[in-house]
Amino acid sequence: MPTVLNQMRFFLRLGKRIRKLRKKRGLSQEDMISYGFSARHWQQIEAGRPITVSTLLRVCAVFGASIDRLVHGLDRGTYED
């Protein structure tokens, strides 16, 4: 059963992975505004704040990635970026 601490770790790892993908694409946080995110919301995503499935789907669309690609291994902390 997931604990609050495990959920926090999951979202922190997800935020880190999303930040790496953004940087790999050469995009700034401000560039994410053109994809419909506010700068503040994007900062919160990368900081590891919990996000909804709807937001996760939007992030996947931006990077052309599947949900599995973004979350694979995050729950165990054994993952590759």
PDB file of N, CA and C in Angstrom:
ATOM      1  N   MET A   1       0.846  -1.181   0.000  1.00  0.00           N
ATOM      2  CA  MET A   1       0.000   0.000   0.000  1.00  0.00           C
ATOM      3  C   MET A   1       0.892   1.245   0.000  1.00  0.00           C
ATOM      4  N   PRO A   2       0.613   2.192  -0.896  1.00  0.00           N
ATOM      5  CA  PRO A   2       1.454   3.391  -0.966  1.00  0.00           C
ATOM      6  C   PRO A   2       1.320   4.256   0.281  1.00  0.00           C
ATOM      7  N   THR A   3       2.431   4.736   0.730  1.00  0.00           N
ATOM      8  CA  THR A   3       2.422   5.660   1.857  1.00  0.00           C
ATOM      9  C   THR A   3       2.577   7.076   1.323  1.00  0.00           C
ATOM     10  N   VAL A   4       2.297   8.036   2.180  1.00  0.00           N
ATOM     11  CA  VAL A   4       2.446   9.436   1.780  1.00  0.00           C
ATOM     12  C   VAL A   4       3.893   9.710   1.381  1.00  0.00           C
ATOM     13  N   LEU A   5       4.837   9.157   2.122  1.00  0.00           N
ATOM     14  CA  LEU A   5       6.251   9.359   1.814  1.00  0.00           C
ATOM     15  C   LEU A   5       6.603   8.776   0.446  1.00  0.00           C
ATOM     16  N   ASN A   6       6.090   7.578   0.156  1.00  0.00           N
ATOM     17  CA  ASN A   6       6.347   6.973  -1.154  1.00  0.00           C
ATOM     18  C   ASN A   6       5.737   7.800  -2.274  1.00  0.00           C
ATOM     19  N   GLN A   7       4.548   8.348  -2.043  1.00  0.00           N
ATOM     20  CA  GLN A   7       3.912   9.200  -3.048  1.00  0.00           C
ATOM     21  C   GLN A   7       4.736  10.463  -3.272  1.00  0.00           C
ATOM     22  N   MET A   8       5.250  11.033  -2.207  1.00  0.00           N
ATOM     23  CA  MET A   8       6.079  12.231  -2.331  1.00  0.00           C
ATOM     24  C   MET A   8       7.331  11.923  -3.149  1.00  0.00           C
ATOM     25  N   ARG A   9       7.963  10.805  -2.859  1.00  0.00           N
ATOM     26  CA  ARG A   9       9.164  10.405  -3.601  1.00  0.00           C
ATOM     27  C   ARG A   9       8.843  10.188  -5.076  1.00  0.00           C
ATOM     28  N   PHE A  10       7.709   9.547  -5.343  1.00  0.00           N
ATOM     29  CA  PHE A  10       7.295   9.301  -6.721  1.00  0.00           C
ATOM     30  C   PHE A  10       7.189  10.612  -7.491  1.00  0.00           C
ATOM     31  N   PHE A  11       6.481  11.599  -6.932  1.00  0.00           N
ATOM     32  CA  PHE A  11       6.290  12.864  -7.638  1.00  0.00           C
ATOM     33  C   PHE A  11       7.587  13.666  -7.746  1.00  0.00           C
ATOM     34  N   LEU A  12       8.453  13.573  -6.742  1.00  0.00           N
ATOM     35  CA  LEU A  12       9.759  14.235  -6.855  1.00  0.00           C
ATOM     36  C   LEU A  12      10.566  13.636  -8.005  1.00  0.00           C
ATOM     37  N   ARG A  13      10.548  12.318  -8.107  1.00  0.00           N
ATOM     38  CA  ARG A  13      11.266  11.640  -9.194  1.00  0.00           C
ATOM     39  C   ARG A  13      10.639  11.966 -10.546  1.00  0.00           C
ATOM     40  N   LEU A  14       9.305  12.027 -10.588  1.00  0.00           N
ATOM     41  CA  LEU A  14       8.620  12.380 -11.831  1.00  0.00           C
ATOM     42  C   LEU A  14       9.000  13.794 -12.263  1.00  0.00           C
ATOM     43  N   GLY A  15       9.011  14.721 -11.327  1.00  0.00           N
ATOM     44  CA  GLY A  15       9.397  16.094 -11.643  1.00  0.00           C
ATOM     45  C   GLY A  15      10.814  16.175 -12.183  1.00  0.00           C
ATOM     46  N   LYS A  16      11.704  15.407 -11.583  1.00  0.00           N
ATOM     47  CA  LYS A  16      13.099  15.381 -12.042  1.00  0.00           C
ATOM     48  C   LYS A  16      13.183  14.826 -13.463  1.00  0.00           C
ATOM     49  N   ARG A  17      12.439  13.767 -13.731  1.00  0.00           N
ATOM     50  CA  ARG A  17      12.448  13.172 -15.069  1.00  0.00           C
ATOM     51  C   ARG A  17      11.885  14.144 -16.104  1.00  0.00           C
ATOM     52  N   ILE A  18      10.815  14.826 -15.763  1.00  0.00           N
ATOM     53  CA  ILE A  18      10.206  15.796 -16.676  1.00  0.00           C
ATOM     54  C   ILE A  18      11.173  16.947 -16.946  1.00  0.00           C
ATOM     55  N   ARG A  19      11.852  17.424 -15.903  1.00  0.00           N
ATOM     56  CA  ARG A  19      12.835  18.500 -16.075  1.00  0.00           C
ATOM     57  C   ARG A  19      13.954  18.059 -17.028  1.00  0.00           C
ATOM     58  N   LYS A  20      14.445  16.820 -16.862  1.00  0.00           N
ATOM     59  CA  LYS A  20      15.497  16.311 -17.747  1.00  0.00           C
ATOM     60  C   LYS A  20      15.019  16.233 -19.191  1.00  0.00           C
ATOM     61  N   LEU A  21      13.784  15.797 -19.395  1.00  0.00           N
ATOM     62  CA  LEU A  21      13.242  15.731 -20.752  1.00  0.00           C
ATOM     63  C   LEU A  21      13.147  17.118 -21.372  1.00  0.00           C
ATOM     64  N   ARG A  22      12.689  18.076 -20.577  1.00  0.00           N
ATOM     65  CA  ARG A  22      12.572  19.450 -21.086  1.00  0.00           C
ATOM     66  C   ARG A  22      13.938  19.982 -21.497  1.00  0.00           C
ATOM     67  N   LYS A  23      14.918  19.806 -20.625  1.00  0.00           N
ATOM     68  CA  LYS A  23      16.260  20.308 -20.921  1.00  0.00           C
ATOM     69  C   LYS A  23      16.879  19.581 -22.110  1.00  0.00           C
ATOM     70  N   LYS A  24      16.620  18.287 -22.208  1.00  0.00           N
ATOM     71  CA  LYS A  24      17.135  17.504 -23.329  1.00  0.00           C
ATOM     72  C   LYS A  24      16.598  18.043 -24.656  1.00  0.00           C
ATOM     73  N   ARG A  25      15.384  18.558 -24.631  1.00  0.00           N
ATOM     74  CA  ARG A  25      14.764  19.143 -25.829  1.00  0.00           C
ATOM     75  C   ARG A  25      15.187  20.592 -26.051  1.00  0.00           C
ATOM     76  N   GLY A  26      15.977  21.130 -25.133  1.00  0.00           N
ATOM     77  CA  GLY A  26      16.441  22.506 -25.274  1.00  0.00           C
ATOM     78  C   GLY A  26      15.365  23.541 -24.989  1.00  0.00           C
ATOM     79  N   LEU A  27      14.393  23.177 -24.162  1.00  0.00           N
ATOM     80  CA  LEU A  27      13.292  24.078 -23.825  1.00  0.00           C
ATOM     81  C   LEU A  27      13.499  24.694 -22.447  1.00  0.00           C
ATOM     82  N   SER A  28      13.068  25.928 -22.296  1.00  0.00           N
ATOM     83  CA  SER A  28      13.097  26.583 -20.987  1.00  0.00           C
ATOM     84  C   SER A  28      11.730  26.408 -20.327  1.00  0.00           C
ATOM     85  N   GLN A  29      11.671  26.709 -19.041  1.00  0.00           N
ATOM     86  CA  GLN A  29      10.374  26.670 -18.366  1.00  0.00           C
ATOM     87  C   GLN A  29       9.419  27.665 -19.013  1.00  0.00           C
ATOM     88  N   GLU A  30       9.931  28.795 -19.445  1.00  0.00           N
ATOM     89  CA  GLU A  30       9.092  29.801 -20.096  1.00  0.00           C
ATOM     90  C   GLU A  30       8.536  29.283 -21.425  1.00  0.00           C
ATOM     91  N   ASP A  31       9.303  28.435 -22.113  1.00  0.00           N
ATOM     92  CA  ASP A  31       8.824  27.851 -23.368  1.00  0.00           C
ATOM     93  C   ASP A  31       7.567  27.012 -23.155  1.00  0.00           C
ATOM     94  N   MET A  32       7.391  26.491 -21.955  1.00  0.00           N
ATOM     95  CA  MET A  32       6.256  25.619 -21.695  1.00  0.00           C
ATOM     96  C   MET A  32       4.935  26.384 -21.712  1.00  0.00           C
ATOM     97  N   ILE A  33       5.003  27.706 -21.639  1.00  0.00           N
ATOM     98  CA  ILE A  33       3.795  28.532 -21.728  1.00  0.00           C
ATOM     99  C   ILE A  33       3.120  28.312 -23.081  1.00  0.00           C
ATOM    100  N   SER A  34       3.915  28.146 -24.127  1.00  0.00           N
ATOM    101  CA  SER A  34       3.342  27.945 -25.464  1.00  0.00           C
ATOM    102  C   SER A  34       2.599  26.612 -25.582  1.00  0.00           C
ATOM    103  N   TYR A  35       2.800  25.722 -24.618  1.00  0.00           N
ATOM    104  CA  TYR A  35       2.085  24.448 -24.597  1.00  0.00           C
ATOM    105  C   TYR A  35       0.877  24.493 -23.658  1.00  0.00           C
ATOM    106  N   GLY A  36       0.559  25.688 -23.158  1.00  0.00           N
ATOM    107  CA  GLY A  36      -0.632  25.852 -22.337  1.00  0.00           C
ATOM    108  C   GLY A  36      -0.418  25.741 -20.841  1.00  0.00           C
ATOM    109  N   PHE A  37       0.820  25.685 -20.405  1.00  0.00           N
ATOM    110  CA  PHE A  37       1.121  25.640 -18.976  1.00  0.00           C
ATOM    111  C   PHE A  37       1.496  27.039 -18.514  1.00  0.00           C
ATOM    112  N   SER A  38       1.090  27.405 -17.322  1.00  0.00           N
ATOM    113  CA  SER A  38       1.600  28.659 -16.769  1.00  0.00           C
ATOM    114  C   SER A  38       3.015  28.379 -16.266  1.00  0.00           C
ATOM    115  N   ALA A  39       3.828  29.414 -16.181  1.00  0.00           N
ATOM    116  CA  ALA A  39       5.200  29.239 -15.694  1.00  0.00           C
ATOM    117  C   ALA A  39       5.181  28.667 -14.281  1.00  0.00           C
ATOM    118  N   ARG A  40       4.290  29.166 -13.463  1.00  0.00           N
ATOM    119  CA  ARG A  40       4.201  28.691 -12.072  1.00  0.00           C
ATOM    120  C   ARG A  40       3.807  27.213 -12.013  1.00  0.00           C
ATOM    121  N   HIS A  41       2.813  26.836 -12.816  1.00  0.00           N
ATOM    122  CA  HIS A  41       2.383  25.437 -12.812  1.00  0.00           C
ATOM    123  C   HIS A  41       3.529  24.529 -13.254  1.00  0.00           C
ATOM    124  N   TRP A  42       4.251  24.937 -14.295  1.00  0.00           N
ATOM    125  CA  TRP A  42       5.364  24.115 -14.769  1.00  0.00           C
ATOM    126  C   TRP A  42       6.446  23.996 -13.696  1.00  0.00           C
ATOM    127  N   GLN A  43       6.729  25.072 -12.999  1.00  0.00           N
ATOM    128  CA  GLN A  43       7.716  25.031 -11.916  1.00  0.00           C
ATOM    129  C   GLN A  43       7.272  24.051 -10.837  1.00  0.00           C
ATOM    130  N   GLN A  44       5.989  24.041 -10.533  1.00  0.00           N
ATOM    131  CA  GLN A  44       5.468  23.122  -9.519  1.00  0.00           C
ATOM    132  C   GLN A  44       5.584  21.670  -9.977  1.00  0.00           C
ATOM    133  N   ILE A  45       5.320  21.428 -11.250  1.00  0.00           N
ATOM    134  CA  ILE A  45       5.457  20.068 -11.791  1.00  0.00           C
ATOM    135  C   ILE A  45       6.894  19.587 -11.618  1.00  0.00           C
ATOM    136  N   GLU A  46       7.850  20.409 -12.034  1.00  0.00           N
ATOM    137  CA  GLU A  46       9.257  20.016 -11.955  1.00  0.00           C
ATOM    138  C   GLU A  46       9.764  19.949 -10.519  1.00  0.00           C
ATOM    139  N   ALA A  47       9.111  20.665  -9.622  1.00  0.00           N
ATOM    140  CA  ALA A  47       9.499  20.629  -8.211  1.00  0.00           C
ATOM    141  C   ALA A  47       8.964  19.382  -7.512  1.00  0.00           C
ATOM    142  N   GLY A  48       8.139  18.609  -8.221  1.00  0.00           N
ATOM    143  CA  GLY A  48       7.641  17.371  -7.638  1.00  0.00           C
ATOM    144  C   GLY A  48       6.313  17.483  -6.939  1.00  0.00           C
ATOM    145  N   ARG A  49       5.575  18.547  -7.206  1.00  0.00           N
ATOM    146  CA  ARG A  49       4.230  18.651  -6.639  1.00  0.00           C
ATOM    147  C   ARG A  49       3.339  17.608  -7.309  1.00  0.00           C
ATOM    148  N   PRO A  50       2.411  17.018  -6.578  1.00  0.00           N
ATOM    149  CA  PRO A  50       1.509  16.028  -7.189  1.00  0.00           C
ATOM    150  C   PRO A  50       0.734  16.629  -8.361  1.00  0.00           C
ATOM    151  N   ILE A  51       0.563  15.828  -9.406  1.00  0.00           N
ATOM    152  CA  ILE A  51      -0.181  16.278 -10.582  1.00  0.00           C
ATOM    153  C   ILE A  51      -1.313  15.299 -10.878  1.00  0.00           C
ATOM    154  N   THR A  52      -2.284  15.768 -11.631  1.00  0.00           N
ATOM    155  CA  THR A  52      -3.412  14.924 -12.017  1.00  0.00           C
ATOM    156  C   THR A  52      -3.044  14.096 -13.246  1.00  0.00           C
ATOM    157  N   VAL A  53      -3.857  13.101 -13.513  1.00  0.00           N
ATOM    158  CA  VAL A  53      -3.662  12.299 -14.721  1.00  0.00           C
ATOM    159  C   VAL A  53      -3.815  13.185 -15.952  1.00  0.00           C
ATOM    160  N   SER A  54      -4.743  14.113 -15.904  1.00  0.00           N
ATOM    161  CA  SER A  54      -4.947  15.040 -17.017  1.00  0.00           C
ATOM    162  C   SER A  54      -3.673  15.834 -17.310  1.00  0.00           C
ATOM    163  N   THR A  55      -3.032  16.336 -16.274  1.00  0.00           N
ATOM    164  CA  THR A  55      -1.779  17.073 -16.453  1.00  0.00           C
ATOM    165  C   THR A  55      -0.688  16.148 -16.978  1.00  0.00           C
ATOM    166  N   LEU A  56      -0.633  14.940 -16.460  1.00  0.00           N
ATOM    167  CA  LEU A  56       0.360  13.973 -16.934  1.00  0.00           C
ATOM    168  C   LEU A  56       0.170  13.692 -18.424  1.00  0.00           C
ATOM    169  N   LEU A  57      -1.072  13.570 -18.863  1.00  0.00           N
ATOM    170  CA  LEU A  57      -1.347  13.350 -20.284  1.00  0.00           C
ATOM    171  C   LEU A  57      -0.902  14.541 -21.125  1.00  0.00           C
ATOM    172  N   ARG A  58      -1.090  15.739 -20.619  1.00  0.00           N
ATOM    173  CA  ARG A  58      -0.638  16.938 -21.332  1.00  0.00           C
ATOM    174  C   ARG A  58       0.885  16.953 -21.449  1.00  0.00           C
ATOM    175  N   VAL A  59       1.567  16.581 -20.370  1.00  0.00           N
ATOM    176  CA  VAL A  59       3.034  16.518 -20.392  1.00  0.00           C
ATOM    177  C   VAL A  59       3.489  15.476 -21.416  1.00  0.00           C
ATOM    178  N   CYS A  60       2.831  14.322 -21.423  1.00  0.00           N
ATOM    179  CA  CYS A  60       3.161  13.279 -22.397  1.00  0.00           C
ATOM    180  C   CYS A  60       3.011  13.802 -23.819  1.00  0.00           C
ATOM    181  N   ALA A  61       1.952  14.554 -24.070  1.00  0.00           N
ATOM    182  CA  ALA A  61       1.712  15.102 -25.410  1.00  0.00           C
ATOM    183  C   ALA A  61       2.823  16.064 -25.814  1.00  0.00           C
ATOM    184  N   VAL A  62       3.282  16.882 -24.878  1.00  0.00           N
ATOM    185  CA  VAL A  62       4.354  17.840 -25.173  1.00  0.00           C
ATOM    186  C   VAL A  62       5.617  17.116 -25.633  1.00  0.00           C
ATOM    187  N   PHE A  63       5.955  16.029 -24.958  1.00  0.00           N
ATOM    188  CA  PHE A  63       7.203  15.333 -25.247  1.00  0.00           C
ATOM    189  C   PHE A  63       7.037  14.146 -26.195  1.00  0.00           C
ATOM    190  N   GLY A  64       5.796  13.880 -26.607  1.00  0.00           N
ATOM    191  CA  GLY A  64       5.568  12.735 -27.488  1.00  0.00           C
ATOM    192  C   GLY A  64       5.954  11.432 -26.824  1.00  0.00           C
ATOM    193  N   ALA A  65       5.682  11.346 -25.527  1.00  0.00           N
ATOM    194  CA  ALA A  65       6.061  10.176 -24.745  1.00  0.00           C
ATOM    195  C   ALA A  65       4.816   9.504 -24.175  1.00  0.00           C
ATOM    196  N   SER A  66       4.935   8.221 -23.898  1.00  0.00           N
ATOM    197  CA  SER A  66       3.834   7.503 -23.263  1.00  0.00           C
ATOM    198  C   SER A  66       3.885   7.738 -21.755  1.00  0.00           C
ATOM    199  N   ILE A  67       2.757   7.483 -21.108  1.00  0.00           N
ATOM    200  CA  ILE A  67       2.735   7.568 -19.643  1.00  0.00           C
ATOM    201  C   ILE A  67       3.753   6.588 -19.077  1.00  0.00           C
ATOM    202  N   ASP A  68       3.803   5.390 -19.645  1.00  0.00           N
ATOM    203  CA  ASP A  68       4.749   4.387 -19.160  1.00  0.00           C
ATOM    204  C   ASP A  68       6.177   4.904 -19.210  1.00  0.00           C
ATOM    205  N   ARG A  69       6.529   5.606 -20.282  1.00  0.00           N
ATOM    206  CA  ARG A  69       7.886   6.157 -20.416  1.00  0.00           C
ATOM    207  C   ARG A  69       8.192   7.133 -19.289  1.00  0.00           C
ATOM    208  N   LEU A  70       7.189   7.916 -18.912  1.00  0.00           N
ATOM    209  CA  LEU A  70       7.430   8.925 -17.879  1.00  0.00           C
ATOM    210  C   LEU A  70       7.448   8.352 -16.471  1.00  0.00           C
ATOM    211  N   VAL A  71       6.665   7.310 -16.210  1.00  0.00           N
ATOM    212  CA  VAL A  71       6.549   6.845 -14.826  1.00  0.00           C
ATOM    213  C   VAL A  71       7.254   5.519 -14.545  1.00  0.00           C
ATOM    214  N   HIS A  72       7.738   4.843 -15.583  1.00  0.00           N
ATOM    215  CA  HIS A  72       8.350   3.527 -15.387  1.00  0.00           C
ATOM    216  C   HIS A  72       9.479   3.575 -14.353  1.00  0.00           C
ATOM    217  N   GLY A  73       9.342   2.758 -13.324  1.00  0.00           N
ATOM    218  CA  GLY A  73      10.383   2.616 -12.314  1.00  0.00           C
ATOM    219  C   GLY A  73      10.393   3.667 -11.226  1.00  0.00           C
ATOM    220  N   LEU A  74       9.573   4.697 -11.344  1.00  0.00           N
ATOM    221  CA  LEU A  74       9.615   5.774 -10.350  1.00  0.00           C
ATOM    222  C   LEU A  74       9.161   5.314  -8.971  1.00  0.00           C
ATOM    223  N   ASP A  75       8.252   4.362  -8.920  1.00  0.00           N
ATOM    224  CA  ASP A  75       7.750   3.899  -7.630  1.00  0.00           C
ATOM    225  C   ASP A  75       8.801   3.125  -6.851  1.00  0.00           C
ATOM    226  N   ARG A  76       9.765   2.559  -7.549  1.00  0.00           N
ATOM    227  CA  ARG A  76      10.812   1.781  -6.883  1.00  0.00           C
ATOM    228  C   ARG A  76      12.104   2.556  -6.714  1.00  0.00           C
ATOM    229  N   GLY A  77      12.210   3.662  -7.418  1.00  0.00           N
ATOM    230  CA  GLY A  77      13.438   4.442  -7.344  1.00  0.00           C
ATOM    231  C   GLY A  77      14.557   3.837  -8.166  1.00  0.00           C
ATOM    232  N   THR A  78      14.219   2.803  -8.939  1.00  0.00           N
ATOM    233  CA  THR A  78      15.209   2.180  -9.816  1.00  0.00           C
ATOM    234  C   THR A  78      14.788   2.464 -11.242  1.00  0.00           C
ATOM    235  N   TYR A  79      15.335   3.503 -11.790  1.00  0.00           N
ATOM    236  CA  TYR A  79      14.908   3.914 -13.118  1.00  0.00           C
ATOM    237  C   TYR A  79      16.058   4.575 -13.840  1.00  0.00           C
ATOM    238  N   GLU A  80      15.932   4.619 -15.136  1.00  0.00           N
ATOM    239  CA  GLU A  80      16.920   5.302 -15.967  1.00  0.00           C
ATOM    240  C   GLU A  80      16.252   6.496 -16.612  1.00  0.00           C
ATOM    241  N   ASP A  81      16.962   7.591 -16.720  1.00  0.00           N
ATOM    242  CA  ASP A  81      16.426   8.775 -17.396  1.00  0.00           C
ATOM    243  C   ASP A  81      16.951   8.845 -18.798  1.00  0.00           C
TER     244      ASP A  81
END
